[in-house]
């Protein structure tokens, strides 16, 4: 499947969202994400120190099941419009009706920030998204301070914690504040085929310039690394090759600073809170990434 051009896809989604929003008003509209730039931490947080890397298992996100659109500050019509536009994009791209994005693509300058505790994978990944799109504000005064702030106080001072859905209310709000004319927003998905999953990565990266957020089961040996205990882990697809059959993975738990230095296939890798940057597993097999996937935000 080969996707359509970014301009055509963007216009398609914008028009479908506008049509959806022009329909009947729901009885109880969800609370939309705040369209203000989050000021972030008011002062640096003292960063804890730890010893050499240890076998410290990842503790993952707390999400259980698909969130309702309202839990993301969206309407059902908005989510349907996005899925409909994606389906049209796939169908027309596969039939050669329209121009294509390249067979490979990336997010130039992406920095994968390391999670500063073994359970901050969600906020670290959200921080990486915000930093990529909107700059150093989201790592100032420090990487740790922002992660602490997001975990405890982000999303309207209620704290994101380990909740993906709360995190994407915050991200969608930052998109509205930082890019008011953008028609992109994150919604929940759970693909049932590898080709669709891979194409969703191509869509986010190659068309919109956002990563595909992928929650994975790190007990699965299909993932880039694995551990003995089950946990759902926040990662991001940040580049694609071979029309999406390969996807580069940004992982906040492991780090290039310590062994195994982002090697794949490692069991129970060591963890340290000290590094600021995490691993990027370049051009990982998209089918295996799909097999380890639990759900996505795209």
Protein backbone atom coordinates (compact mmCIF):
# COMPACT_ATOMS: atom_id res chain seq x y z
CA UNK A 1 0.00 0.00 0.00
CA UNK A 2 1.38 3.34 -1.00
CA UNK A 3 0.05 6.49 0.64
CA UNK A 4 -1.09 9.82 -0.74
CA UNK A 5 0.57 13.21 -0.66
CA UNK A 6 0.57 15.15 2.60
CA UNK A 7 -1.31 18.10 1.10
CA UNK A 8 -4.16 16.05 -0.32
CA UNK A 9 -4.48 13.97 2.85
CA UNK A 10 -4.46 17.06 5.07
CA UNK A 11 -7.17 18.74 2.99
CA UNK A 12 -9.22 15.54 3.04
CA UNK A 13 -9.07 15.19 6.81
CA UNK A 14 -9.74 18.89 7.40
CA UNK A 15 -12.86 18.78 5.23
CA UNK A 16 -14.14 15.60 6.85
CA UNK A 17 -13.60 16.96 10.36
CA UNK A 18 -15.42 20.16 9.43
CA UNK A 19 -18.36 18.15 8.07
CA UNK A 20 -18.43 16.01 11.20
CA UNK A 21 -18.44 19.00 13.48
CA UNK A 22 -21.27 20.61 11.50
CA UNK A 23 -23.61 17.73 12.40
CA UNK A 24 -26.05 17.49 15.33
CA UNK A 25 -24.68 18.72 18.64
CA UNK A 26 -24.27 15.98 21.22
CA UNK A 27 -26.21 16.28 24.45
CA UNK A 28 -23.05 16.42 26.54
CA UNK A 29 -19.99 17.74 24.75
CA UNK A 30 -16.60 16.59 26.09
CA UNK A 31 -14.26 19.05 27.69
CA UNK A 32 -11.79 20.06 24.99
CA UNK A 33 -8.06 20.19 25.70
CA UNK A 34 -6.95 23.58 26.99
CA UNK A 35 -5.59 25.65 24.11
CA UNK A 36 -2.79 27.22 26.13
CA UNK A 37 0.91 26.53 26.06
CA UNK A 38 1.76 24.67 29.23
CA UNK A 39 4.22 26.82 31.22
CA UNK A 40 5.82 23.73 32.72
CA UNK A 41 7.74 23.50 35.99
CA UNK A 42 8.24 26.75 37.85
CA UNK A 43 11.57 25.63 39.26
CA UNK A 44 14.06 22.81 38.76
CA UNK A 45 13.39 19.57 40.59
CA UNK A 46 16.39 17.98 42.33
CA UNK A 47 17.18 14.86 40.37
CA UNK A 48 17.72 11.65 42.35
CA UNK A 49 20.94 9.76 41.80
CA UNK A 50 21.33 6.03 41.44
CA UNK A 51 24.21 3.63 41.13
CA UNK A 52 25.38 1.59 38.14
CA UNK A 53 22.73 0.21 35.79
CA UNK A 54 20.72 -2.53 37.46
CA UNK A 55 18.16 -5.08 36.33
CA UNK A 56 15.17 -2.93 37.20
CA UNK A 57 12.00 -4.04 35.42
CA UNK A 58 9.90 -1.56 33.53
CA UNK A 59 6.56 -0.64 35.10
CA UNK A 60 4.36 0.45 32.23
CA UNK A 61 1.23 2.47 31.53
CA UNK A 62 -2.01 2.07 33.44
CA UNK A 63 -4.40 2.16 30.48
CA UNK A 64 -6.89 -0.67 30.30
CA UNK A 65 -9.10 -0.82 27.25
CA UNK A 66 -9.96 1.77 24.63
CA UNK A 67 -10.75 5.28 25.91
CA UNK A 68 -13.96 6.92 24.80
CA UNK A 69 -13.39 9.92 22.48
CA UNK A 70 -14.52 12.26 25.27
CA UNK A 71 -11.64 11.00 27.43
CA UNK A 72 -9.30 12.52 24.85
CA UNK A 73 -11.24 15.77 24.56
CA UNK A 74 -12.61 14.64 21.18
CA UNK A 75 -16.01 13.78 19.76
CA UNK A 76 -16.98 10.51 18.14
CA UNK A 77 -17.48 12.44 14.90
CA UNK A 78 -13.90 13.69 14.96
CA UNK A 79 -12.52 10.19 15.50
CA UNK A 80 -14.70 8.75 12.73
CA UNK A 81 -13.62 11.52 10.36
CA UNK A 82 -9.98 10.71 11.01
CA UNK A 83 -10.46 6.98 10.44
CA UNK A 84 -12.53 7.61 7.29
CA UNK A 85 -9.84 9.90 5.86
CA UNK A 86 -7.17 7.29 6.62
CA UNK A 87 -9.19 4.56 4.88
CA UNK A 88 -9.66 6.78 1.82
CA UNK A 89 -5.97 7.64 1.78
CA UNK A 90 -5.03 3.95 1.85
CA UNK A 91 -7.47 3.01 -0.89
CA UNK A 92 -6.54 5.81 -3.27
CA UNK A 93 -2.83 5.46 -2.59
CA UNK A 94 -2.94 1.72 -3.27
CA UNK A 95 -4.74 2.27 -6.57
CA UNK A 96 -2.26 4.90 -7.72
CA UNK A 97 -4.88 7.64 -7.96
CA UNK A 98 -2.75 10.34 -6.32
CA UNK A 99 0.84 11.40 -5.61
CA UNK A 100 2.78 9.40 -3.05
CA UNK A 101 4.92 10.16 -0.05
CA UNK A 102 8.41 8.70 -0.24
CA UNK A 103 9.16 5.05 0.40
CA UNK A 104 11.14 6.20 3.45
CA UNK A 105 10.76 9.11 5.84
CA UNK A 106 11.77 10.36 9.25
CA UNK A 107 11.34 13.09 11.85
CA UNK A 108 14.58 15.07 11.40
CA UNK A 109 16.19 16.09 14.66
CA UNK A 110 14.12 13.75 16.83
CA UNK A 111 15.60 13.34 20.32
CA UNK A 112 14.46 10.34 22.34
CA UNK A 113 14.40 11.49 25.95
CA UNK A 114 15.10 8.86 28.58
CA UNK A 115 12.51 8.12 31.24
CA UNK A 116 13.92 9.25 34.57
CA UNK A 117 12.22 6.51 36.60
CA UNK A 118 11.32 2.98 35.57
CA UNK A 119 7.61 3.95 35.42
CA UNK A 120 7.71 7.30 33.57
CA UNK A 121 7.64 5.90 30.01
CA UNK A 122 4.39 7.72 29.14
CA UNK A 123 5.52 11.20 30.19
CA UNK A 124 8.98 10.70 28.67
CA UNK A 125 7.45 9.81 25.31
CA UNK A 126 5.05 12.77 25.46
CA UNK A 127 7.99 15.01 26.34
CA UNK A 128 9.84 13.73 23.26
CA UNK A 129 6.84 14.52 21.05
CA UNK A 130 6.47 18.04 22.48
CA UNK A 131 10.19 18.75 22.23
CA UNK A 132 10.33 17.61 18.61
CA UNK A 133 7.41 19.78 17.54
CA UNK A 134 7.91 22.85 19.73
CA UNK A 135 11.45 22.94 21.03
CA UNK A 136 13.53 23.22 24.18
CA UNK A 137 10.75 24.69 26.32
CA UNK A 138 9.74 21.10 27.09
CA UNK A 139 13.16 20.16 28.48
CA UNK A 140 13.83 23.43 30.36
CA UNK A 141 15.02 23.72 33.11
CA UNK A 142 15.77 19.99 32.82
CA UNK A 143 14.52 16.74 31.33
CA UNK A 144 13.77 15.40 34.80
CA UNK A 145 11.90 18.52 35.94
CA UNK A 146 9.49 18.34 33.00
CA UNK A 147 8.84 14.63 33.45
CA UNK A 148 8.18 15.16 37.16
CA UNK A 149 5.87 18.06 36.33
CA UNK A 150 3.92 16.11 33.70
CA UNK A 151 3.57 13.10 35.97
CA UNK A 152 2.33 15.09 38.97
CA UNK A 153 0.83 18.32 37.59
CA UNK A 154 0.38 18.13 33.82
CA UNK A 155 -3.02 18.08 32.14
CA UNK A 156 -4.66 20.83 34.16
CA UNK A 157 -2.82 20.17 37.43
CA UNK A 158 -4.34 16.69 37.83
CA UNK A 159 -1.17 14.91 36.68
CA UNK A 160 -0.77 12.55 33.74
CA UNK A 161 0.74 9.77 35.82
CA UNK A 162 0.90 6.56 33.81
CA UNK A 163 -2.31 7.24 31.86
CA UNK A 164 -1.95 7.39 28.08
CA UNK A 165 -5.40 8.91 27.62
CA UNK A 166 -4.69 11.73 30.10
CA UNK A 167 -1.40 12.26 28.30
CA UNK A 168 -3.07 12.72 24.93
CA UNK A 169 -5.58 15.19 26.30
CA UNK A 170 -2.47 17.20 27.20
CA UNK A 171 -0.76 16.64 23.81
CA UNK A 172 -3.90 17.55 21.86
CA UNK A 173 -4.14 20.71 23.93
CA UNK A 174 -0.55 21.63 23.12
CA UNK A 175 -1.21 21.07 19.40
CA UNK A 176 -4.16 23.46 19.59
CA UNK A 177 -2.09 26.05 21.45
CA UNK A 178 1.13 25.76 19.46
CA UNK A 179 -0.34 25.10 16.00
CA UNK A 180 -3.84 26.63 15.94
CA UNK A 181 -4.32 26.00 12.23
CA UNK A 182 -3.34 22.32 12.42
CA UNK A 183 -6.02 19.71 11.69
CA UNK A 184 -3.95 16.94 13.29
CA UNK A 185 -4.91 15.43 16.64
CA UNK A 186 -4.16 12.13 18.33
CA UNK A 187 -6.84 9.44 18.60
CA UNK A 188 -6.79 5.84 19.84
CA UNK A 189 -6.43 2.89 17.47
CA UNK A 190 -5.70 -0.82 17.63
CA UNK A 191 -4.78 -2.24 14.25
CA UNK A 192 -5.50 -5.86 13.45
CA UNK A 193 -3.04 -6.28 10.58
CA UNK A 194 0.63 -5.45 10.14
CA UNK A 195 0.14 -3.62 6.80
CA UNK A 196 -2.44 -1.27 8.34
CA UNK A 197 -0.20 -0.67 11.37
CA UNK A 198 2.77 0.08 9.14
CA UNK A 199 0.72 2.42 6.95
CA UNK A 200 -0.45 4.28 10.05
CA UNK A 201 3.20 4.90 10.87
CA UNK A 202 3.84 6.19 7.34
CA UNK A 203 0.80 8.47 7.68
CA UNK A 204 1.88 10.03 10.98
CA UNK A 205 5.56 10.39 10.10
CA UNK A 206 5.49 11.03 6.36
CA UNK A 207 2.28 13.03 6.05
CA UNK A 208 1.81 14.85 9.35
CA UNK A 209 5.30 15.02 10.87
CA UNK A 210 4.27 13.43 14.17
CA UNK A 211 5.39 10.09 15.59
CA UNK A 212 3.07 7.12 15.88
CA UNK A 213 2.70 6.36 19.60
CA UNK A 214 2.84 2.60 20.10
CA UNK A 215 2.19 0.87 23.42
CA UNK A 216 3.96 -2.50 23.42
CA UNK A 217 4.05 -5.55 25.66
CA UNK A 218 7.69 -5.80 26.73
CA UNK A 219 7.25 -9.42 27.74
CA UNK A 220 6.88 -10.19 24.04
CA UNK A 221 10.02 -11.49 22.33
CA UNK A 222 8.83 -9.77 19.15
CA UNK A 223 9.77 -6.39 20.65
CA UNK A 224 13.26 -4.89 20.40
CA UNK A 225 14.03 -6.07 23.95
CA UNK A 226 12.02 -8.03 26.48
CA UNK A 227 11.76 -8.71 30.20
CA UNK A 228 10.37 -11.49 32.37
CA UNK A 229 7.47 -9.45 33.75
CA UNK A 230 4.53 -8.18 31.68
CA UNK A 231 4.25 -4.43 31.24
CA UNK A 232 2.74 -2.09 28.67
CA UNK A 233 5.42 0.31 27.50
CA UNK A 234 5.15 3.68 25.72
CA UNK A 235 7.27 3.91 22.55
CA UNK A 236 7.20 5.95 19.35
CA UNK A 237 7.69 5.09 15.68
CA UNK A 238 9.90 7.94 14.45
CA UNK A 239 11.05 6.85 10.98
CA UNK A 240 10.03 4.36 8.32
CA UNK A 241 11.69 2.55 5.45
CA UNK A 242 10.57 0.23 2.67
CA UNK A 243 7.08 1.80 2.61
CA UNK A 244 6.61 1.16 6.33
CA UNK A 245 7.80 -2.45 6.44
CA UNK A 246 10.58 -1.08 8.67
CA UNK A 247 9.87 1.32 11.53
CA UNK A 248 12.47 2.99 13.75
CA UNK A 249 11.48 2.83 17.42
CA UNK A 250 12.15 5.52 20.00
CA UNK A 251 12.34 3.77 23.38
CA UNK A 252 12.72 5.81 26.59
CA UNK A 253 13.65 2.92 28.93
CA UNK A 254 16.96 1.78 27.47
CA UNK A 255 19.86 4.14 26.76
CA UNK A 256 22.85 4.34 24.42
CA UNK A 257 24.94 5.33 27.44
CA UNK A 258 24.92 1.87 29.04
CA UNK A 259 25.17 -1.75 27.90
CA UNK A 260 23.54 -3.27 25.95
CA UNK A 261 23.79 0.06 24.04
CA UNK A 262 20.49 -0.30 22.17
CA UNK A 263 21.24 -3.81 20.92
CA UNK A 264 18.09 -5.70 19.93
CA UNK A 265 16.95 -9.06 21.26
CA UNK A 266 18.26 -8.40 24.78
CA UNK A 267 16.52 -9.98 27.76
CA UNK A 268 16.05 -7.90 30.94
CA UNK A 269 18.30 -4.95 30.03
CA UNK A 270 19.82 -2.85 32.78
CA UNK A 271 18.25 0.47 33.73
CA UNK A 272 19.65 3.67 35.17
CA UNK A 273 17.90 7.01 35.70
CA UNK A 274 21.12 8.93 35.00
CA UNK A 275 21.08 9.29 31.17
CA UNK A 276 19.04 11.98 29.51
CA UNK A 277 18.61 10.19 26.18
CA UNK A 278 16.99 6.88 25.32
CA UNK A 279 17.48 4.43 22.47
CA UNK A 280 16.39 4.51 18.87
CA UNK A 281 16.14 1.06 17.32
CA UNK A 282 16.68 1.87 13.68
CA UNK A 283 14.46 0.36 10.97
CA UNK A 284 13.04 -2.41 13.12
CA UNK A 285 10.89 -5.04 11.44
CA UNK A 286 7.41 -3.52 11.22
CA UNK A 287 5.63 -6.88 11.48
CA UNK A 288 7.42 -7.73 14.72
CA UNK A 289 6.67 -4.27 16.11
CA UNK A 290 3.01 -4.90 15.25
CA UNK A 291 3.08 -8.29 16.98
CA UNK A 292 4.33 -6.66 20.18
CA UNK A 293 1.83 -3.76 19.89
CA UNK A 294 -0.99 -3.48 22.42
CA UNK A 295 -2.59 -0.26 21.07
CA UNK A 296 -1.67 2.98 19.35
CA UNK A 297 -2.31 6.71 19.40
CA UNK A 298 -2.02 8.20 15.94
